[in-house]
Amino acid sequence: MSAKERIILGIDPGTSILGYGIIQVVGKKMTLVALGVVRLDKIDDHHLKLQKIFERVIELIDGFHPDELAIEAPFFGKNVQSMLKLGRAQGVAIAAALSRQLPVMEYAPRKIKQSITGNGAASKEQVAAMLQSILKIPAADMPEKLDATDGLAAAVCHYYQSSNPLTDGKSYSGWSSFL
């Protein structure tokens, strides 16, 4: 792999559905590699959901060999229990990446939307439509679940931010920096 070629795995963590998108960047050209979701809504035990997230993120890393992980940070909502569960899901995905020595960048949802659409308050549908245009994804290949395009948006946001020296994402390069 040349210095100007890299693969970025983007994740939208969730406890019902985890979305992911993988892009390859060669020079300044981005191409879609994979896009999908991990369904967790049929698993009742929260700990088993976390185990599934860890295992599936490891499978994605081992299967696609990304150079970096971009992940959406949990947003601050009104439901503290939901926030706690989402934070755990994000933490498990980060732990999976770190266990494979994969650098992790974290982005706020507004930052991701701003990066993709120019509007930090854009809807999931607007983000998906913009990604479809940017990456020239045929309509038939667009996923039913917008969690997948949210994961893809994290990867594309990271590409844009890492191309800009004035980035403000949080970076973890190993366990010690994460802790």
N, C-alpha and C. Protein backbone atom coordinates (compact mmCIF):
# COMPACT_ATOMS: atom_id res chain seq x y z
N MET A 1 0.85 -1.19 0.00
CA MET A 1 0.00 0.00 0.00
C MET A 1 0.89 1.24 0.00
N SER A 2 0.62 2.14 -0.91
CA SER A 2 1.43 3.35 -0.99
C SER A 2 1.05 4.32 0.12
N ALA A 3 1.89 5.34 0.32
CA ALA A 3 1.64 6.32 1.38
C ALA A 3 0.37 7.11 1.11
N LYS A 4 -0.05 7.19 -0.15
CA LYS A 4 -1.23 7.99 -0.48
C LYS A 4 -2.50 7.15 -0.58
N GLU A 5 -2.41 5.89 -0.19
CA GLU A 5 -3.57 5.01 -0.24
C GLU A 5 -3.91 4.57 1.17
N ARG A 6 -5.20 4.65 1.54
CA ARG A 6 -5.61 4.20 2.86
C ARG A 6 -7.06 3.78 2.84
N ILE A 7 -7.41 2.98 3.83
CA ILE A 7 -8.78 2.51 3.99
C ILE A 7 -9.27 3.02 5.34
N ILE A 8 -10.48 3.60 5.34
CA ILE A 8 -11.06 4.16 6.56
C ILE A 8 -12.37 3.44 6.86
N LEU A 9 -12.48 2.93 8.08
CA LEU A 9 -13.71 2.30 8.57
C LEU A 9 -14.44 3.33 9.42
N GLY A 10 -15.68 3.60 9.06
CA GLY A 10 -16.52 4.51 9.83
C GLY A 10 -17.61 3.74 10.54
N ILE A 11 -17.88 4.11 11.79
CA ILE A 11 -18.90 3.41 12.57
C ILE A 11 -19.85 4.40 13.23
N ASP A 12 -21.14 4.08 13.12
CA ASP A 12 -22.19 4.77 13.86
C ASP A 12 -22.64 3.77 14.92
N PRO A 13 -22.15 3.92 16.16
CA PRO A 13 -22.46 2.91 17.18
C PRO A 13 -23.93 2.97 17.59
N GLY A 14 -24.45 1.81 17.90
CA GLY A 14 -25.83 1.73 18.36
C GLY A 14 -26.04 0.43 19.09
N THR A 15 -27.07 0.39 19.92
CA THR A 15 -27.35 -0.85 20.65
C THR A 15 -28.48 -1.65 20.00
N SER A 16 -29.17 -1.06 19.03
CA SER A 16 -30.16 -1.81 18.25
C SER A 16 -29.60 -2.11 16.87
N ILE A 17 -28.99 -1.08 16.25
CA ILE A 17 -28.37 -1.23 14.94
C ILE A 17 -27.07 -0.44 14.95
N LEU A 18 -25.99 -1.10 14.57
CA LEU A 18 -24.70 -0.44 14.41
C LEU A 18 -24.46 -0.30 12.91
N GLY A 19 -24.19 0.93 12.48
CA GLY A 19 -23.95 1.15 11.06
C GLY A 19 -22.47 1.28 10.78
N TYR A 20 -22.05 0.81 9.60
CA TYR A 20 -20.65 0.96 9.22
C TYR A 20 -20.52 1.25 7.72
N GLY A 21 -19.44 1.93 7.40
CA GLY A 21 -19.10 2.21 6.03
C GLY A 21 -17.60 2.21 5.89
N ILE A 22 -17.12 1.69 4.77
CA ILE A 22 -15.68 1.60 4.54
C ILE A 22 -15.37 2.26 3.20
N ILE A 23 -14.40 3.18 3.24
CA ILE A 23 -13.97 3.83 2.00
C ILE A 23 -12.48 3.58 1.79
N GLN A 24 -12.11 3.62 0.52
CA GLN A 24 -10.70 3.58 0.16
C GLN A 24 -10.35 4.93 -0.45
N VAL A 25 -9.22 5.47 -0.03
CA VAL A 25 -8.77 6.75 -0.54
C VAL A 25 -7.44 6.52 -1.25
N VAL A 26 -7.39 6.88 -2.51
CA VAL A 26 -6.15 6.81 -3.28
C VAL A 26 -5.90 8.23 -3.79
N GLY A 27 -4.83 8.84 -3.29
CA GLY A 27 -4.60 10.25 -3.60
C GLY A 27 -5.72 11.07 -3.00
N LYS A 28 -6.51 11.71 -3.85
CA LYS A 28 -7.67 12.49 -3.38
C LYS A 28 -8.98 11.87 -3.82
N LYS A 29 -8.93 10.65 -4.33
CA LYS A 29 -10.13 9.98 -4.83
C LYS A 29 -10.65 8.98 -3.80
N MET A 30 -11.93 9.15 -3.43
CA MET A 30 -12.60 8.28 -2.48
C MET A 30 -13.49 7.30 -3.22
N THR A 31 -13.46 6.03 -2.82
CA THR A 31 -14.39 5.05 -3.37
C THR A 31 -15.00 4.24 -2.24
N LEU A 32 -16.24 3.85 -2.44
CA LEU A 32 -16.94 3.03 -1.46
C LEU A 32 -16.45 1.59 -1.56
N VAL A 33 -16.11 1.01 -0.41
CA VAL A 33 -15.67 -0.39 -0.36
C VAL A 33 -16.82 -1.26 0.17
N ALA A 34 -17.43 -0.85 1.28
CA ALA A 34 -18.50 -1.64 1.89
C ALA A 34 -19.38 -0.73 2.73
N LEU A 35 -20.61 -1.18 2.91
CA LEU A 35 -21.62 -0.40 3.63
C LEU A 35 -22.61 -1.39 4.22
N GLY A 36 -22.95 -1.23 5.49
CA GLY A 36 -23.91 -2.17 6.06
C GLY A 36 -24.25 -1.88 7.51
N VAL A 37 -24.99 -2.80 8.09
CA VAL A 37 -25.40 -2.67 9.49
C VAL A 37 -25.20 -4.00 10.21
N VAL A 38 -25.08 -3.90 11.51
CA VAL A 38 -25.08 -5.06 12.39
C VAL A 38 -26.36 -4.96 13.20
N ARG A 39 -27.26 -5.91 13.00
CA ARG A 39 -28.55 -5.89 13.69
C ARG A 39 -28.38 -6.48 15.09
N LEU A 40 -28.78 -5.71 16.08
CA LEU A 40 -28.65 -6.14 17.47
C LEU A 40 -30.00 -6.14 18.18
N ASP A 41 -31.04 -5.73 17.49
CA ASP A 41 -32.35 -5.53 18.12
C ASP A 41 -33.02 -6.83 18.56
N LYS A 42 -32.57 -7.97 18.07
CA LYS A 42 -33.17 -9.24 18.48
C LYS A 42 -32.44 -9.86 19.68
N ILE A 43 -31.37 -9.21 20.12
CA ILE A 43 -30.62 -9.70 21.28
C ILE A 43 -31.14 -8.94 22.51
N ASP A 44 -31.64 -9.69 23.51
CA ASP A 44 -32.22 -9.05 24.68
C ASP A 44 -31.18 -8.61 25.71
N ASP A 45 -30.13 -9.40 25.89
CA ASP A 45 -29.13 -9.13 26.91
C ASP A 45 -28.14 -8.07 26.42
N HIS A 46 -28.05 -6.96 27.17
CA HIS A 46 -27.17 -5.85 26.75
C HIS A 46 -25.71 -6.28 26.66
N HIS A 47 -25.27 -7.15 27.57
CA HIS A 47 -23.88 -7.60 27.54
C HIS A 47 -23.59 -8.43 26.30
N LEU A 48 -24.56 -9.23 25.87
CA LEU A 48 -24.39 -10.01 24.64
C LEU A 48 -24.35 -9.09 23.42
N LYS A 49 -25.10 -7.98 23.46
CA LYS A 49 -25.03 -6.99 22.38
C LYS A 49 -23.62 -6.42 22.28
N LEU A 50 -23.04 -6.10 23.44
CA LEU A 50 -21.68 -5.55 23.46
C LEU A 50 -20.68 -6.56 22.91
N GLN A 51 -20.86 -7.82 23.27
CA GLN A 51 -19.97 -8.87 22.75
C GLN A 51 -20.09 -8.96 21.23
N LYS A 52 -21.31 -8.89 20.72
CA LYS A 52 -21.55 -8.97 19.27
C LYS A 52 -20.90 -7.77 18.56
N ILE A 53 -21.02 -6.58 19.15
CA ILE A 53 -20.39 -5.39 18.57
C ILE A 53 -18.88 -5.60 18.48
N PHE A 54 -18.27 -6.05 19.58
CA PHE A 54 -16.82 -6.28 19.60
C PHE A 54 -16.43 -7.27 18.51
N GLU A 55 -17.12 -8.41 18.46
CA GLU A 55 -16.79 -9.46 17.49
C GLU A 55 -16.96 -8.99 16.06
N ARG A 56 -18.04 -8.27 15.80
CA ARG A 56 -18.31 -7.83 14.41
C ARG A 56 -17.32 -6.75 13.98
N VAL A 57 -16.94 -5.84 14.87
CA VAL A 57 -15.95 -4.81 14.52
C VAL A 57 -14.60 -5.49 14.24
N ILE A 58 -14.25 -6.49 15.04
CA ILE A 58 -13.01 -7.25 14.79
C ILE A 58 -13.08 -7.91 13.41
N GLU A 59 -14.23 -8.50 13.07
CA GLU A 59 -14.40 -9.13 11.75
C GLU A 59 -14.21 -8.11 10.63
N LEU A 60 -14.78 -6.93 10.79
CA LEU A 60 -14.64 -5.88 9.77
C LEU A 60 -13.16 -5.47 9.62
N ILE A 61 -12.49 -5.32 10.75
CA ILE A 61 -11.07 -4.92 10.72
C ILE A 61 -10.23 -6.01 10.08
N ASP A 62 -10.44 -7.25 10.49
CA ASP A 62 -9.66 -8.36 9.94
C ASP A 62 -9.99 -8.62 8.47
N GLY A 63 -11.22 -8.33 8.07
CA GLY A 63 -11.63 -8.57 6.69
C GLY A 63 -11.22 -7.48 5.71
N PHE A 64 -11.24 -6.22 6.15
CA PHE A 64 -10.98 -5.11 5.24
C PHE A 64 -9.66 -4.40 5.49
N HIS A 65 -9.01 -4.70 6.59
CA HIS A 65 -7.70 -4.12 6.95
C HIS A 65 -7.66 -2.59 6.84
N PRO A 66 -8.58 -1.91 7.53
CA PRO A 66 -8.55 -0.45 7.49
C PRO A 66 -7.30 0.09 8.17
N ASP A 67 -6.92 1.31 7.78
CA ASP A 67 -5.78 1.99 8.38
C ASP A 67 -6.20 2.84 9.56
N GLU A 68 -7.50 3.22 9.60
CA GLU A 68 -8.02 4.10 10.66
C GLU A 68 -9.49 3.80 10.89
N LEU A 69 -9.95 4.13 12.11
CA LEU A 69 -11.36 4.02 12.44
C LEU A 69 -11.87 5.41 12.79
N ALA A 70 -12.98 5.78 12.19
CA ALA A 70 -13.67 7.03 12.53
C ALA A 70 -15.00 6.62 13.15
N ILE A 71 -15.31 7.18 14.31
CA ILE A 71 -16.52 6.78 15.02
C ILE A 71 -17.30 8.00 15.49
N GLU A 72 -18.61 7.87 15.43
CA GLU A 72 -19.46 8.96 15.89
C GLU A 72 -19.53 8.95 17.41
N ALA A 73 -19.32 10.10 18.02
CA ALA A 73 -19.41 10.24 19.46
C ALA A 73 -20.88 10.25 19.87
N PRO A 74 -21.19 9.71 21.05
CA PRO A 74 -22.58 9.77 21.50
C PRO A 74 -23.03 11.22 21.68
N PHE A 75 -24.26 11.50 21.30
CA PHE A 75 -24.80 12.85 21.49
C PHE A 75 -25.48 12.92 22.85
N PHE A 76 -25.57 14.12 23.37
CA PHE A 76 -26.17 14.30 24.69
C PHE A 76 -27.67 14.44 24.56
N GLY A 77 -28.37 13.40 24.97
CA GLY A 77 -29.83 13.41 24.91
C GLY A 77 -30.41 13.56 26.30
N LYS A 78 -31.72 13.43 26.37
CA LYS A 78 -32.40 13.59 27.66
C LYS A 78 -32.43 12.29 28.45
N ASN A 79 -32.32 11.14 27.77
CA ASN A 79 -32.42 9.85 28.45
C ASN A 79 -31.02 9.36 28.84
N VAL A 80 -30.72 9.42 30.12
CA VAL A 80 -29.39 9.06 30.63
C VAL A 80 -29.10 7.58 30.38
N GLN A 81 -30.09 6.70 30.55
CA GLN A 81 -29.86 5.26 30.33
C GLN A 81 -29.50 4.97 28.87
N SER A 82 -30.18 5.63 27.94
CA SER A 82 -29.86 5.44 26.52
C SER A 82 -28.45 5.94 26.22
N MET A 83 -28.09 7.06 26.81
CA MET A 83 -26.76 7.63 26.62
C MET A 83 -25.69 6.68 27.15
N LEU A 84 -25.94 6.08 28.32
CA LEU A 84 -24.99 5.15 28.91
C LEU A 84 -24.81 3.92 28.00
N LYS A 85 -25.91 3.36 27.51
CA LYS A 85 -25.84 2.19 26.64
C LYS A 85 -25.11 2.51 25.34
N LEU A 86 -25.39 3.67 24.77
CA LEU A 86 -24.73 4.08 23.54
C LEU A 86 -23.23 4.29 23.76
N GLY A 87 -22.87 4.88 24.90
CA GLY A 87 -21.47 5.08 25.24
C GLY A 87 -20.73 3.75 25.40
N ARG A 88 -21.42 2.77 25.97
CA ARG A 88 -20.81 1.45 26.10
C ARG A 88 -20.58 0.82 24.72
N ALA A 89 -21.57 0.96 23.83
CA ALA A 89 -21.44 0.42 22.48
C ALA A 89 -20.26 1.08 21.76
N GLN A 90 -20.13 2.38 21.91
CA GLN A 90 -19.02 3.09 21.30
C GLN A 90 -17.70 2.63 21.89
N GLY A 91 -17.65 2.50 23.22
CA GLY A 91 -16.43 2.07 23.89
C GLY A 91 -15.97 0.69 23.45
N VAL A 92 -16.91 -0.23 23.27
CA VAL A 92 -16.58 -1.58 22.83
C VAL A 92 -16.03 -1.55 21.39
N ALA A 93 -16.62 -0.73 20.53
CA ALA A 93 -16.12 -0.62 19.15
C ALA A 93 -14.70 -0.03 19.15
N ILE A 94 -14.47 0.98 19.99
CA ILE A 94 -13.13 1.58 20.11
C ILE A 94 -12.15 0.54 20.65
N ALA A 95 -12.56 -0.22 21.65
CA ALA A 95 -11.69 -1.25 22.22
C ALA A 95 -11.30 -2.30 21.17
N ALA A 96 -12.26 -2.67 20.33
CA ALA A 96 -11.96 -3.63 19.26
C ALA A 96 -10.90 -3.07 18.31
N ALA A 97 -11.05 -1.80 17.94
CA ALA A 97 -10.07 -1.17 17.05
C ALA A 97 -8.70 -1.09 17.71
N LEU A 98 -8.68 -0.68 18.97
CA LEU A 98 -7.40 -0.55 19.68
C LEU A 98 -6.74 -1.91 19.87
N SER A 99 -7.53 -2.97 20.01
CA SER A 99 -6.96 -4.31 20.17
C SER A 99 -6.24 -4.75 18.90
N ARG A 100 -6.53 -4.10 17.79
CA ARG A 100 -5.86 -4.37 16.51
C ARG A 100 -4.89 -3.24 16.14
N GLN A 101 -4.54 -2.39 17.12
CA GLN A 101 -3.63 -1.26 16.94
C GLN A 101 -4.09 -0.30 15.84
N LEU A 102 -5.38 -0.11 15.75
CA LEU A 102 -5.95 0.78 14.74
C LEU A 102 -6.17 2.16 15.35
N PRO A 103 -5.61 3.22 14.76
CA PRO A 103 -5.86 4.57 15.28
C PRO A 103 -7.35 4.90 15.20
N VAL A 104 -7.86 5.59 16.22
CA VAL A 104 -9.29 5.93 16.30
C VAL A 104 -9.46 7.44 16.35
N MET A 105 -10.39 7.94 15.55
CA MET A 105 -10.78 9.35 15.59
C MET A 105 -12.26 9.40 15.90
N GLU A 106 -12.64 10.31 16.78
CA GLU A 106 -14.02 10.45 17.24
C GLU A 106 -14.56 11.80 16.79
N TYR A 107 -15.77 11.80 16.24
CA TYR A 107 -16.38 13.04 15.75
C TYR A 107 -17.80 13.19 16.29
N ALA A 108 -18.15 14.40 16.66
CA ALA A 108 -19.50 14.71 17.12
C ALA A 108 -20.47 14.60 15.93
N PRO A 109 -21.71 14.20 16.19
CA PRO A 109 -22.69 14.09 15.11
C PRO A 109 -22.82 15.37 14.28
N ARG A 110 -22.84 16.52 14.93
CA ARG A 110 -22.95 17.80 14.20
C ARG A 110 -21.75 18.03 13.29
N LYS A 111 -20.57 17.62 13.75
CA LYS A 111 -19.35 17.78 12.96
C LYS A 111 -19.42 16.91 11.70
N ILE A 112 -19.92 15.70 11.86
CA ILE A 112 -20.05 14.79 10.72
C ILE A 112 -21.03 15.36 9.71
N LYS A 113 -22.20 15.78 10.18
CA LYS A 113 -23.21 16.36 9.28
C LYS A 113 -22.69 17.60 8.58
N GLN A 114 -22.01 18.46 9.33
CA GLN A 114 -21.43 19.69 8.77
C GLN A 114 -20.42 19.35 7.68
N SER A 115 -19.60 18.36 7.95
CA SER A 115 -18.56 17.96 7.01
C SER A 115 -19.13 17.41 5.70
N ILE A 116 -20.23 16.68 5.79
CA ILE A 116 -20.82 16.05 4.62
C ILE A 116 -21.75 16.99 3.86
N THR A 117 -22.62 17.70 4.58
CA THR A 117 -23.66 18.51 3.92
C THR A 117 -23.43 20.01 3.99
N GLY A 118 -22.54 20.44 4.88
CA GLY A 118 -22.37 21.88 5.10
C GLY A 118 -23.33 22.41 6.15
N ASN A 119 -24.17 21.52 6.71
CA ASN A 119 -25.17 21.92 7.70
C ASN A 119 -25.12 20.93 8.87
N GLY A 120 -24.73 21.41 10.04
CA GLY A 120 -24.63 20.56 11.21
C GLY A 120 -25.96 20.04 11.72
N ALA A 121 -27.06 20.60 11.24
CA ALA A 121 -28.39 20.15 11.66
C ALA A 121 -29.09 19.36 10.54
N ALA A 122 -28.33 18.88 9.57
CA ALA A 122 -28.92 18.14 8.45
C ALA A 122 -29.59 16.86 8.94
N SER A 123 -30.58 16.40 8.18
CA SER A 123 -31.27 15.15 8.53
C SER A 123 -30.44 13.96 8.04
N LYS A 124 -30.77 12.78 8.57
CA LYS A 124 -30.10 11.56 8.12
C LYS A 124 -30.32 11.36 6.62
N GLU A 125 -31.50 11.71 6.14
CA GLU A 125 -31.80 11.57 4.71
C GLU A 125 -30.94 12.49 3.86
N GLN A 126 -30.72 13.72 4.33
CA GLN A 126 -29.87 14.67 3.60
C GLN A 126 -28.43 14.17 3.55
N VAL A 127 -27.95 13.63 4.67
CA VAL A 127 -26.59 13.08 4.72
C VAL A 127 -26.47 11.92 3.73
N ALA A 128 -27.45 11.01 3.73
CA ALA A 128 -27.43 9.86 2.83
C ALA A 128 -27.43 10.31 1.36
N ALA A 129 -28.27 11.29 1.04
CA ALA A 129 -28.34 11.79 -0.35
C ALA A 129 -27.02 12.41 -0.78
N MET A 130 -26.39 13.16 0.11
CA MET A 130 -25.11 13.78 -0.22
C MET A 130 -24.03 12.72 -0.42
N LEU A 131 -24.01 11.71 0.43
CA LEU A 131 -23.03 10.62 0.29
C LEU A 131 -23.25 9.87 -1.02
N GLN A 132 -24.52 9.66 -1.36
CA GLN A 132 -24.84 8.98 -2.62
C GLN A 132 -24.26 9.77 -3.80
N SER A 133 -24.38 11.09 -3.73
CA SER A 133 -23.85 11.95 -4.78
C SER A 133 -22.32 11.96 -4.80
N ILE A 134 -21.71 12.15 -3.63
CA ILE A 134 -20.25 12.24 -3.53
C ILE A 134 -19.57 10.95 -4.02
N LEU A 135 -20.11 9.81 -3.58
CA LEU A 135 -19.48 8.53 -3.89
C LEU A 135 -20.10 7.83 -5.10
N LYS A 136 -21.06 8.49 -5.74
CA LYS A 136 -21.72 7.95 -6.93
C LYS A 136 -22.26 6.54 -6.69
N ILE A 137 -23.03 6.43 -5.61
CA ILE A 137 -23.63 5.14 -5.25
C ILE A 137 -24.95 5.00 -5.99
N PRO A 138 -25.12 3.93 -6.78
CA PRO A 138 -26.40 3.73 -7.47
C PRO A 138 -27.55 3.62 -6.46
N ALA A 139 -28.71 4.12 -6.84
CA ALA A 139 -29.88 4.11 -5.94
C ALA A 139 -30.18 2.70 -5.44
N ALA A 140 -30.00 1.70 -6.32
CA ALA A 140 -30.29 0.32 -5.94
C ALA A 140 -29.35 -0.19 -4.85
N ASP A 141 -28.16 0.43 -4.72
CA ASP A 141 -27.18 0.00 -3.73
C ASP A 141 -27.28 0.77 -2.42
N MET A 142 -28.19 1.73 -2.35
CA MET A 142 -28.34 2.50 -1.12
C MET A 142 -29.03 1.62 -0.07
N PRO A 143 -28.51 1.64 1.15
CA PRO A 143 -29.07 0.77 2.19
C PRO A 143 -30.44 1.25 2.67
N GLU A 144 -31.22 0.28 3.16
CA GLU A 144 -32.53 0.61 3.71
C GLU A 144 -32.38 1.36 5.03
N LYS A 145 -31.41 0.94 5.83
CA LYS A 145 -31.19 1.55 7.15
C LYS A 145 -30.20 2.70 7.03
N LEU A 146 -30.58 3.87 7.53
CA LEU A 146 -29.71 5.04 7.47
C LEU A 146 -28.55 4.96 8.46
N ASP A 147 -28.57 3.98 9.35
CA ASP A 147 -27.43 3.78 10.25
C ASP A 147 -26.18 3.46 9.44
N ALA A 148 -26.36 2.75 8.32
CA ALA A 148 -25.23 2.41 7.45
C ALA A 148 -24.62 3.67 6.85
N THR A 149 -25.46 4.58 6.35
CA THR A 149 -24.92 5.81 5.76
C THR A 149 -24.35 6.71 6.85
N ASP A 150 -24.86 6.61 8.08
CA ASP A 150 -24.26 7.37 9.19
C ASP A 150 -22.85 6.87 9.47
N GLY A 151 -22.63 5.56 9.42
CA GLY A 151 -21.29 5.01 9.58
C GLY A 151 -20.38 5.45 8.45
N LEU A 152 -20.91 5.41 7.23
CA LEU A 152 -20.15 5.88 6.06
C LEU A 152 -19.81 7.36 6.20
N ALA A 153 -20.75 8.14 6.72
CA ALA A 153 -20.51 9.58 6.90
C ALA A 153 -19.34 9.83 7.86
N ALA A 154 -19.20 9.00 8.89
CA ALA A 154 -18.08 9.15 9.82
C ALA A 154 -16.76 8.94 9.09
N ALA A 155 -16.71 7.94 8.20
CA ALA A 155 -15.49 7.67 7.44
C ALA A 155 -15.16 8.83 6.49
N VAL A 156 -16.17 9.33 5.79
CA VAL A 156 -15.96 10.43 4.84
C VAL A 156 -15.58 11.71 5.59
N CYS A 157 -16.23 11.96 6.72
CA CYS A 157 -15.88 13.10 7.56
C CYS A 157 -14.41 13.02 7.96
N HIS A 158 -13.97 11.83 8.36
CA HIS A 158 -12.58 11.67 8.78
C HIS A 158 -11.63 11.96 7.61
N TYR A 159 -11.99 11.49 6.44
CA TYR A 159 -11.15 11.78 5.27
C TYR A 159 -11.04 13.30 5.07
N TYR A 160 -12.17 13.99 5.11
CA TYR A 160 -12.16 15.46 4.93
C TYR A 160 -11.35 16.13 6.05
N GLN A 161 -11.57 15.71 7.28
CA GLN A 161 -10.89 16.35 8.42
C GLN A 161 -9.39 16.05 8.43
N SER A 162 -9.02 14.85 8.06
CA SER A 162 -7.60 14.50 8.07
C SER A 162 -6.86 15.13 6.90
N SER A 163 -7.62 15.58 5.91
CA SER A 163 -7.01 16.32 4.79
C SER A 163 -6.85 17.79 5.16
N ASN A 164 -7.45 18.18 6.29
CA ASN A 164 -7.43 19.57 6.76
C ASN A 164 -6.60 19.63 8.04
N PRO A 165 -5.54 20.43 8.05
CA PRO A 165 -4.69 20.49 9.25
C PRO A 165 -5.37 21.09 10.47
N LEU A 166 -6.52 21.70 10.32
CA LEU A 166 -7.21 22.33 11.45
C LEU A 166 -8.31 21.43 11.99
N THR A 167 -8.04 20.13 12.07
CA THR A 167 -9.03 19.18 12.56
C THR A 167 -9.21 19.30 14.07
N ASP A 168 -10.41 18.96 14.55
CA ASP A 168 -10.63 19.02 16.00
C ASP A 168 -11.22 17.72 16.54
N GLY A 169 -11.05 16.62 15.79
CA GLY A 169 -11.52 15.33 16.28
C GLY A 169 -10.60 14.83 17.39
N LYS A 170 -11.13 13.94 18.22
CA LYS A 170 -10.33 13.34 19.29
C LYS A 170 -9.65 12.10 18.72
N SER A 171 -8.37 11.94 18.97
CA SER A 171 -7.62 10.82 18.43
C SER A 171 -7.07 9.94 19.55
N TYR A 172 -7.18 8.62 19.34
CA TYR A 172 -6.61 7.66 20.26
C TYR A 172 -5.70 6.75 19.46
N SER A 173 -4.43 6.67 19.81
CA SER A 173 -3.51 5.84 19.06
C SER A 173 -3.15 4.55 19.80
N GLY A 174 -3.67 4.36 20.98
CA GLY A 174 -3.42 3.14 21.74
C GLY A 174 -4.16 3.18 23.05
N TRP A 175 -4.05 2.12 23.82
CA TRP A 175 -4.76 2.02 25.09
C TRP A 175 -4.40 3.15 26.04
N SER A 176 -3.10 3.51 26.13
CA SER A 176 -2.69 4.52 27.08
C SER A 176 -3.30 5.88 26.78
N SER A 177 -3.42 6.22 25.48
CA SER A 177 -4.01 7.52 25.16
C SER A 177 -5.53 7.50 25.35
N PHE A 178 -6.16 6.33 25.20
CA PHE A 178 -7.59 6.22 25.39
C PHE A 178 -7.95 6.33 26.86
N LEU A 179 -7.16 5.68 27.71
CA LEU A 179 -7.43 5.67 29.14
C LEU A 179 -7.04 7.02 29.72
